[in-house]
C-alpha atoms as a PDB file:
ATOM      1  CA  TYR A   1     118.807 117.642 126.913  1.00  0.00           C
ATOM      2  CA  ASP A   2     118.511 120.092 124.055  1.00  0.00           C
ATOM      3  CA  GLY A   3     114.969 120.209 123.619  1.00  0.00           C
ATOM      4  CA  VAL A   4     111.428 119.363 125.382  1.00  0.00           C
ATOM      5  CA  GLU A   5     108.659 117.480 123.473  1.00  0.00           C
ATOM      6  CA  ILE A   6     104.902 118.867 124.887  1.00  0.00           C
ATOM      7  CA  ALA A   7     101.588 117.450 124.882  1.00  0.00           C
ATOM      8  CA  PRO A   8      98.744 120.514 123.829  1.00  0.00           C
ATOM      9  CA  PHE A   9      96.213 119.288 126.572  1.00  0.00           C
ATOM     10  CA  THR A  10      98.674 120.258 129.364  1.00  0.00           C
ATOM     11  CA  PHE A  11      97.851 123.935 128.189  1.00  0.00           C
ATOM     12  CA  GLY A  12      94.327 123.568 128.418  1.00  0.00           C
ATOM     13  CA  PRO A  13      91.054 121.481 127.033  1.00  0.00           C
ATOM     14  CA  SER A  14      91.513 122.855 123.783  1.00  0.00           C
ATOM     15  CA  ILE A  15      94.818 124.871 122.263  1.00  0.00           C
ATOM     16  CA  GLU A  16      92.297 127.177 120.134  1.00  0.00           C
ATOM     17  CA  ASP A  17      92.087 128.623 123.642  1.00  0.00           C
ATOM     18  CA  VAL A  18      95.810 129.250 124.208  1.00  0.00           C
ATOM     19  CA  SER A  19      96.234 133.037 123.286  1.00  0.00           C
ATOM     20  CA  ALA A  20      99.078 134.648 120.764  1.00  0.00           C
ATOM     21  CA  ASP A  21     100.708 135.733 123.971  1.00  0.00           C
ATOM     22  CA  ARG A  22     100.366 132.659 125.802  1.00  0.00           C
ATOM     23  CA  ARG A  23     102.398 130.747 123.034  1.00  0.00           C
ATOM     24  CA  ARG A  24     104.975 133.396 122.455  1.00  0.00           C
ATOM     25  CA  GLU A  25     105.608 132.701 126.363  1.00  0.00           C
ATOM     26  CA  ILE A  26     105.647 129.343 126.260  1.00  0.00           C
ATOM     27  CA  LYS A  27     108.376 129.458 123.434  1.00  0.00           C
ATOM     28  CA  GLN A  28     110.252 131.905 125.536  1.00  0.00           C
ATOM     29  CA  ILE A  29     110.349 129.954 128.418  1.00  0.00           C
ATOM     30  CA  ALA A  30     111.602 127.225 126.638  1.00  0.00           C
ATOM     31  CA  ALA A  31     114.345 129.104 124.941  1.00  0.00           C
ATOM     32  CA  ASP A  32     115.068 130.791 128.509  1.00  0.00           C
ATOM     33  CA  CYS A  33     115.899 127.467 129.579  1.00  0.00           C
ATOM     34  CA  GLY A  34     118.035 126.721 126.600  1.00  0.00           C
ATOM     35  CA  LEU A  35     115.653 124.343 124.866  1.00  0.00           C
ATOM     36  CA  GLU A  36     113.714 123.825 121.772  1.00  0.00           C
ATOM     37  CA  ILE A  37     110.293 122.583 121.440  1.00  0.00           C
ATOM     38  CA  VAL A  38     111.089 119.829 119.485  1.00  0.00           C
ATOM     39  CA  GLY A  39     107.635 118.454 119.206  1.00  0.00           C
ATOM     40  CA  LEU A  40     104.268 117.831 120.073  1.00  0.00           C
ATOM     41  CA  HIS A  41     102.740 114.635 120.976  1.00  0.00           C
ATOM     42  CA  TRP A  42      99.154 113.016 122.244  1.00  0.00           C
ATOM     43  CA  LEU A  43      97.415 115.506 119.639  1.00  0.00           C
ATOM     44  CA  LEU A  44      93.885 114.672 120.039  1.00  0.00           C
ATOM     45  CA  ALA A  45      93.798 113.890 123.632  1.00  0.00           C
ATOM     46  CA  SER A  46      91.706 116.655 124.125  1.00  0.00           C
ATOM     47  CA  PRO A  47      89.064 118.155 123.148  1.00  0.00           C
ATOM     48  CA  PRO A  48      87.027 115.346 123.517  1.00  0.00           C
ATOM     49  CA  GLY A  49      85.241 113.597 120.977  1.00  0.00           C
ATOM     50  CA  LEU A  50      87.764 113.628 118.156  1.00  0.00           C
ATOM     51  CA  HIS A  51      88.317 110.815 115.807  1.00  0.00           C
ATOM     52  CA  ILE A  52      90.314 110.605 112.879  1.00  0.00           C
ATOM     53  CA  HIS A  53      88.767 108.194 110.923  1.00  0.00           C
ATOM     54  CA  THR A  54      85.091 107.365 112.212  1.00  0.00           C
ATOM     55  CA  LYS A  55      82.403 107.151 109.519  1.00  0.00           C
ATOM     56  CA  ASN A  56      81.191 110.559 111.156  1.00  0.00           C
ATOM     57  CA  SER A  57      82.006 112.923 108.556  1.00  0.00           C
ATOM     58  CA  ALA A  58      81.154 115.748 110.991  1.00  0.00           C
ATOM     59  CA  VAL A  59      83.667 114.269 113.670  1.00  0.00           C
ATOM     60  CA  ARG A  60      85.885 113.690 110.770  1.00  0.00           C
ATOM     61  CA  ARG A  61      85.949 117.260 109.890  1.00  0.00           C
ATOM     62  CA  ARG A  62      86.174 118.822 113.443  1.00  0.00           C
ATOM     63  CA  THR A  63      89.015 116.018 113.936  1.00  0.00           C
ATOM     64  CA  VAL A  64      90.728 117.483 110.826  1.00  0.00           C
ATOM     65  CA  ASP A  65      90.057 120.760 111.894  1.00  0.00           C
ATOM     66  CA  TYR A  66      91.452 120.787 114.693  1.00  0.00           C
ATOM     67  CA  LEU A  67      94.726 119.051 113.601  1.00  0.00           C
ATOM     68  CA  LYS A  68      94.777 122.054 111.832  1.00  0.00           C
ATOM     69  CA  VAL A  69      94.610 124.013 114.578  1.00  0.00           C
ATOM     70  CA  LEU A  70      97.427 122.304 116.077  1.00  0.00           C
ATOM     71  CA  ILE A  71      99.485 122.924 112.994  1.00  0.00           C
ATOM     72  CA  ASP A  72      99.637 126.241 113.827  1.00  0.00           C
ATOM     73  CA  PHE A  73     100.155 125.998 117.552  1.00  0.00           C
ATOM     74  CA  ALA A  74     103.230 123.930 116.364  1.00  0.00           C
ATOM     75  CA  GLY A  75     104.431 126.602 114.089  1.00  0.00           C
ATOM     76  CA  ASP A  76     103.890 129.529 116.692  1.00  0.00           C
ATOM     77  CA  VAL A  77     105.923 127.927 119.649  1.00  0.00           C
ATOM     78  CA  GLY A  78     108.418 126.424 116.805  1.00  0.00           C
ATOM     79  CA  ALA A  79     107.798 123.023 117.280  1.00  0.00           C
ATOM     80  CA  PRO A  80     109.082 121.319 113.971  1.00  0.00           C
ATOM     81  CA  VAL A  81     107.089 117.784 114.573  1.00  0.00           C
ATOM     82  CA  MET A  82     103.785 116.486 115.457  1.00  0.00           C
ATOM     83  CA  VAL A  83     103.801 112.882 116.632  1.00  0.00           C
ATOM     84  CA  PHE A  84     100.191 111.363 115.424  1.00  0.00           C
ATOM     85  CA  GLY A  85      99.805 108.049 118.276  1.00  0.00           C
ATOM     86  CA  SER A  86      96.672 109.054 119.985  1.00  0.00           C
ATOM     87  CA  PRO A  87      95.296 105.467 120.192  1.00  0.00           C
ATOM     88  CA  LYS A  88      91.968 106.048 121.422  1.00  0.00           C
ATOM     89  CA  GLN A  89      90.889 108.408 118.735  1.00  0.00           C
ATOM     90  CA  ARG A  90      91.912 105.918 115.710  1.00  0.00           C
ATOM     91  CA  THR A  91      89.917 102.747 117.338  1.00  0.00           C
ATOM     92  CA  LEU A  92      88.775 100.584 114.642  1.00  0.00           C
ATOM     93  CA  GLU A  93      84.438 100.843 114.050  1.00  0.00           C
ATOM     94  CA  ASP A  94      83.154  97.350 113.245  1.00  0.00           C
ATOM     95  CA  GLY A  95      86.657  95.768 112.766  1.00  0.00           C
ATOM     96  CA  ASP A  96      86.700  97.915 109.141  1.00  0.00           C
ATOM     97  CA  VAL A  97      90.429  98.386 108.350  1.00  0.00           C
ATOM     98  CA  LYS A  98      90.211  98.923 104.659  1.00  0.00           C
ATOM     99  CA  GLY A  99      87.568 102.005 105.634  1.00  0.00           C
ATOM    100  CA  ALA A 100      89.457 102.850 108.263  1.00  0.00           C
ATOM    101  CA  TRP A 101      92.551 103.272 106.211  1.00  0.00           C
ATOM    102  CA  LYS A 102      91.244 105.313 103.230  1.00  0.00           C
ATOM    103  CA  ARG A 103      89.607 107.916 105.809  1.00  0.00           C
ATOM    104  CA  THR A 104      92.950 107.951 107.575  1.00  0.00           C
ATOM    105  CA  ARG A 105      94.723 108.603 104.532  1.00  0.00           C
ATOM    106  CA  ASP A 106      92.549 111.104 103.221  1.00  0.00           C
ATOM    107  CA  ALA A 107      92.191 113.072 106.702  1.00  0.00           C
ATOM    108  CA  PHE A 108      96.221 113.167 106.661  1.00  0.00           C
ATOM    109  CA  GLY A 109      96.537 114.246 102.747  1.00  0.00           C
ATOM    110  CA  SER A 110      93.821 117.267 103.832  1.00  0.00           C
ATOM    111  CA  VAL A 111      96.470 118.976 106.248  1.00  0.00           C
ATOM    112  CA  LEU A 112      99.308 118.555 103.843  1.00  0.00           C
ATOM    113  CA  LEU A 113      99.431 122.360 102.790  1.00  0.00           C
ATOM    114  CA  ASP A 114      98.931 123.609 106.275  1.00  0.00           C
ATOM    115  CA  LEU A 115     101.860 121.536 107.112  1.00  0.00           C
ATOM    116  CA  GLU A 116     103.947 122.732 104.317  1.00  0.00           C
ATOM    117  CA  ALA A 117     102.945 126.481 105.343  1.00  0.00           C
ATOM    118  CA  ARG A 118     104.169 126.160 109.014  1.00  0.00           C
ATOM    119  CA  GLY A 119     107.211 124.079 107.924  1.00  0.00           C
ATOM    120  CA  VAL A 120     106.034 121.242 110.194  1.00  0.00           C
ATOM    121  CA  THR A 121     105.942 117.364 109.855  1.00  0.00           C
ATOM    122  CA  LEU A 122     103.570 115.082 111.149  1.00  0.00           C
ATOM    123  CA  CYS A 123     104.529 111.700 111.960  1.00  0.00           C
ATOM    124  CA  GLN A 124     102.654 108.230 111.974  1.00  0.00           C
ATOM    125  CA  GLU A 125     103.455 106.470 115.371  1.00  0.00           C
ATOM    126  CA  SER A 126     102.583 102.913 115.134  1.00  0.00           C
ATOM    127  CA  LEU A 127     100.976 101.675 118.714  1.00  0.00           C
ATOM    128  CA  PRO A 128     100.843  97.689 119.370  1.00  0.00           C
ATOM    129  CA  ALA A 129      97.941  95.918 121.271  1.00  0.00           C
ATOM    130  CA  PRO A 130      96.655  96.460 123.865  1.00  0.00           C
ATOM    131  CA  GLU A 131      97.173 100.325 123.161  1.00  0.00           C
ATOM    132  CA  ALA A 132      95.617 100.112 119.483  1.00  0.00           C
ATOM    133  CA  ASP A 133      94.252  98.097 117.110  1.00  0.00           C
ATOM    134  CA  PHE A 134      94.764 100.038 114.126  1.00  0.00           C
ATOM    135  CA  ILE A 135      98.522 100.781 112.855  1.00  0.00           C
ATOM    136  CA  GLN A 136     100.053  98.700 114.988  1.00  0.00           C
ATOM    137  CA  THR A 137     103.513  97.855 113.282  1.00  0.00           C
ATOM    138  CA  ALA A 138     106.167 100.352 111.883  1.00  0.00           C
ATOM    139  CA  ALA A 139     105.722  98.335 108.593  1.00  0.00           C
ATOM    140  CA  GLU A 140     101.933  99.407 108.547  1.00  0.00           C
ATOM    141  CA  ALA A 141     102.825 103.022 109.753  1.00  0.00           C
ATOM    142  CA  ALA A 142     105.480 103.140 106.696  1.00  0.00           C
ATOM    143  CA  ARG A 143     102.846 101.878 104.443  1.00  0.00           C
ATOM    144  CA  MET A 144     101.116 104.979 105.591  1.00  0.00           C
ATOM    145  CA  VAL A 145     104.004 107.438 104.871  1.00  0.00           C
ATOM    146  CA  ARG A 146     104.249 105.982 101.780  1.00  0.00           C
ATOM    147  CA  GLU A 147     100.696 106.097 100.431  1.00  0.00           C
ATOM    148  CA  ILE A 148     100.730 109.634 101.285  1.00  0.00           C
ATOM    149  CA  ASP A 149     104.254 109.940  99.784  1.00  0.00           C
ATOM    150  CA  HIS A 150     104.761 113.913 101.060  1.00  0.00           C
ATOM    151  CA  PRO A 151     107.644 115.038 102.837  1.00  0.00           C
ATOM    152  CA  ARG A 152     105.851 116.408 105.462  1.00  0.00           C
ATOM    153  CA  PHE A 153     104.219 113.449 106.119  1.00  0.00           C
ATOM    154  CA  ARG A 154     106.818 110.951 108.022  1.00  0.00           C
ATOM    155  CA  LEU A 155     107.364 107.926 110.249  1.00  0.00           C
ATOM    156  CA  MET A 156     108.054 107.961 114.187  1.00  0.00           C
ATOM    157  CA  LEU A 157     109.575 104.838 115.690  1.00  0.00           C
ATOM    158  CA  ASP A 158     109.171 104.096 119.553  1.00  0.00           C
ATOM    159  CA  ALA A 159     111.198 101.582 121.426  1.00  0.00           C
ATOM    160  CA  LYS A 160     108.926 100.242 123.447  1.00  0.00           C
ATOM    161  CA  SER A 161     106.516  99.444 120.692  1.00  0.00           C
ATOM    162  CA  LEU A 162     109.453  98.234 118.326  1.00  0.00           C
ATOM    163  CA  CYS A 163     109.888  95.694 121.509  1.00  0.00           C
ATOM    164  CA  ALA A 164     106.658  94.403 121.012  1.00  0.00           C
ATOM    165  CA  GLU A 165     107.018  93.296 117.149  1.00  0.00           C
ATOM    166  CA  ASP A 166     108.478  89.690 116.297  1.00  0.00           C
ATOM    167  CA  ARG A 167     111.706  91.565 114.986  1.00  0.00           C
ATOM    168  CA  PRO A 168     114.669  92.799 116.905  1.00  0.00           C
ATOM    169  CA  PRO A 169     114.576  96.884 117.229  1.00  0.00           C
ATOM    170  CA  ALA A 170     117.443  97.605 115.407  1.00  0.00           C
ATOM    171  CA  GLU A 171     116.599  95.513 112.246  1.00  0.00           C
ATOM    172  CA  ILE A 172     113.091  97.351 111.843  1.00  0.00           C
ATOM    173  CA  ILE A 173     115.136 100.804 112.305  1.00  0.00           C
ATOM    174  CA  ARG A 174     117.624  99.693 109.720  1.00  0.00           C
ATOM    175  CA  GLU A 175     114.792  98.840 107.228  1.00  0.00           C
ATOM    176  CA  PHE A 176     112.557 102.128 107.888  1.00  0.00           C
ATOM    177  CA  CYS A 177     115.102 104.484 108.717  1.00  0.00           C
ATOM    178  CA  PRO A 178     114.658 106.670 105.543  1.00  0.00           C
ATOM    179  CA  LEU A 179     111.295 107.436 106.317  1.00  0.00           C
ATOM    180  CA  VAL A 180     112.024 108.277 110.105  1.00  0.00           C
ATOM    181  CA  GLU A 181     111.976 111.646 111.333  1.00  0.00           C
ATOM    182  CA  HIS A 182     111.481 111.234 115.259  1.00  0.00           C
ATOM    183  CA  PHE A 183     112.374 108.664 117.352  1.00  0.00           C
ATOM    184  CA  HIS A 184     111.221 108.057 121.172  1.00  0.00           C
ATOM    185  CA  ALA A 185     113.271 106.259 123.518  1.00  0.00           C
ATOM    186  CA  ASN A 186     111.950 104.393 126.406  1.00  0.00           C
ATOM    187  CA  ASP A 187     111.913 100.684 127.631  1.00  0.00           C
ATOM    188  CA  ALA A 188     109.533  97.978 127.238  1.00  0.00           C
ATOM    189  CA  ASN A 189     108.745  98.068 130.603  1.00  0.00           C
ATOM    190  CA  ARG A 190     107.242 101.642 129.914  1.00  0.00           C
ATOM    191  CA  ARG A 191     109.793 103.449 132.129  1.00  0.00           C
ATOM    192  CA  GLY A 192     113.074 105.004 130.658  1.00  0.00           C
ATOM    193  CA  PRO A 193     115.486 104.249 128.535  1.00  0.00           C
ATOM    194  CA  GLY A 194     118.331 102.110 130.734  1.00  0.00           C
ATOM    195  CA  PHE A 195     115.461 101.278 133.369  1.00  0.00           C
ATOM    196  CA  GLY A 196     114.955  97.994 132.499  1.00  0.00           C
ATOM    197  CA  GLU A 197     115.856  95.095 130.237  1.00  0.00           C
ATOM    198  CA  THR A 198     115.600  97.084 126.538  1.00  0.00           C
ATOM    199  CA  ASP A 199     119.396  96.892 125.237  1.00  0.00           C
ATOM    200  CA  PHE A 200     119.369 100.259 123.802  1.00  0.00           C
ATOM    201  CA  VAL A 201     123.345  99.841 122.142  1.00  0.00           C
ATOM    202  CA  PRO A 202     121.991  97.959 119.069  1.00  0.00           C
ATOM    203  CA  ILE A 203     119.400 100.629 118.647  1.00  0.00           C
ATOM    204  CA  ALA A 204     122.007 103.455 118.851  1.00  0.00           C
ATOM    205  CA  ALA A 205     123.854 101.915 116.580  1.00  0.00           C
ATOM    206  CA  ALA A 206     121.254 101.170 114.044  1.00  0.00           C
ATOM    207  CA  LEU A 207     120.424 104.859 114.320  1.00  0.00           C
ATOM    208  CA  ARG A 208     123.904 106.030 113.918  1.00  0.00           C
ATOM    209  CA  GLU A 209     124.480 103.700 111.013  1.00  0.00           C
ATOM    210  CA  CYS A 210     121.471 104.690 108.891  1.00  0.00           C
ATOM    211  CA  GLY A 211     122.211 108.435 109.288  1.00  0.00           C
ATOM    212  CA  PHE A 212     119.175 109.663 111.444  1.00  0.00           C
ATOM    213  CA  GLY A 213     118.978 113.163 112.056  1.00  0.00           C
ATOM    214  CA  GLY A 214     116.014 113.626 113.961  1.00  0.00           C
ATOM    215  CA  CYS A 215     115.846 113.773 117.850  1.00  0.00           C
ATOM    216  CA  VAL A 216     115.702 110.979 120.217  1.00  0.00           C
ATOM    217  CA  SER A 217     112.999 112.129 122.704  1.00  0.00           C
ATOM    218  CA  VAL A 218     112.772 110.418 125.969  1.00  0.00           C
ATOM    219  CA  GLU A 219     109.103 109.366 126.624  1.00  0.00           C
ATOM    220  CA  VAL A 220     107.939 107.516 129.558  1.00  0.00           C
ATOM    221  CA  PHE A 221     104.653 106.257 131.154  1.00  0.00           C
ATOM    222  CA  ASP A 222     106.003 104.959 134.904  1.00  0.00           C
ATOM    223  CA  TYR A 223     107.653 107.658 136.510  1.00  0.00           C
ATOM    224  CA  THR A 224     109.431 105.649 139.426  1.00  0.00           C
ATOM    225  CA  PRO A 225     111.122 106.609 141.084  1.00  0.00           C
ATOM    226  CA  ASP A 226     110.606 110.219 140.338  1.00  0.00           C
ATOM    227  CA  PRO A 227     110.547 112.367 137.051  1.00  0.00           C
ATOM    228  CA  GLU A 228     113.953 114.020 138.027  1.00  0.00           C
ATOM    229  CA  THR A 229     115.894 110.867 138.616  1.00  0.00           C
ATOM    230  CA  ILE A 230     114.416 109.401 135.076  1.00  0.00           C
ATOM    231  CA  ALA A 231     115.190 112.670 133.248  1.00  0.00           C
ATOM    232  CA  ARG A 232     118.885 112.377 134.646  1.00  0.00           C
ATOM    233  CA  GLU A 233     119.631 108.927 134.492  1.00  0.00           C
ATOM    234  CA  SER A 234     118.132 108.113 130.956  1.00  0.00           C
ATOM    235  CA  LEU A 235     119.990 111.035 129.394  1.00  0.00           C
ATOM    236  CA  ARG A 236     123.105 109.540 131.360  1.00  0.00           C
ATOM    237  CA  TYR A 237     122.522 106.301 129.491  1.00  0.00           C
ATOM    238  CA  LEU A 238     121.545 107.295 126.406  1.00  0.00           C
ATOM    239  CA  ARG A 239     124.894 109.661 126.319  1.00  0.00           C
ATOM    240  CA  ARG A 240     126.741 106.480 126.832  1.00  0.00           C
ATOM    241  CA  VAL A 241     125.165 104.049 124.462  1.00  0.00           C
ATOM    242  CA  PHE A 242     125.080 106.906 121.396  1.00  0.00           C
ATOM    243  CA  GLY A 243     129.011 107.346 122.553  1.00  0.00           C
ATOM    244  CA  GLU A 244     128.501 111.199 123.271  1.00  0.00           C
END
């Protein structure tokens, strides 16, 4: 592996409490292991009460402010990418898709200068049902990216999520590849790549053919049989399908 992707809440309930010294230490520990910190994910899992498009303006402001804190943290530890998944912090209120869309777009638009200043790219992730009820497809995520229309706001595709759509993952990748900054590799069964029925050969071919230059990051939710085996065998499988 060349890098590691980290979840901010694993360092404490609020990243604001992680000191400058601790941030330098986090970056150095990764470097000592020969790894880059390639990105952050699960951005709004903690602290509690955050929501990107709630009608409650005070909560929205607090959420945007925390995104800015996370951008600074990403810059401090050298993470070039932040993946916006956070399904529970983007659930619809009263089925208001139109309002949620506008408020989400406005929220992301308000952090673009911060992203520019720290050299960080925020990536929209689509999450299908039952994980999320808003921005569920790659096409919807791509629409958000295009409407914001900024080089520091891009698309993140996830193999597991692509498998939930009604088209082959490779076809979706080819359509949206120019917008894609980051890619999560996982099986449809929520285990590592190579641990299920998801065929990564066409996925890898599509990423190669379209000139994807970002990171392919292994993301799993089922740690059977154990994390070390998952890490080792996922890497072995990906090297084979990518021809490395």
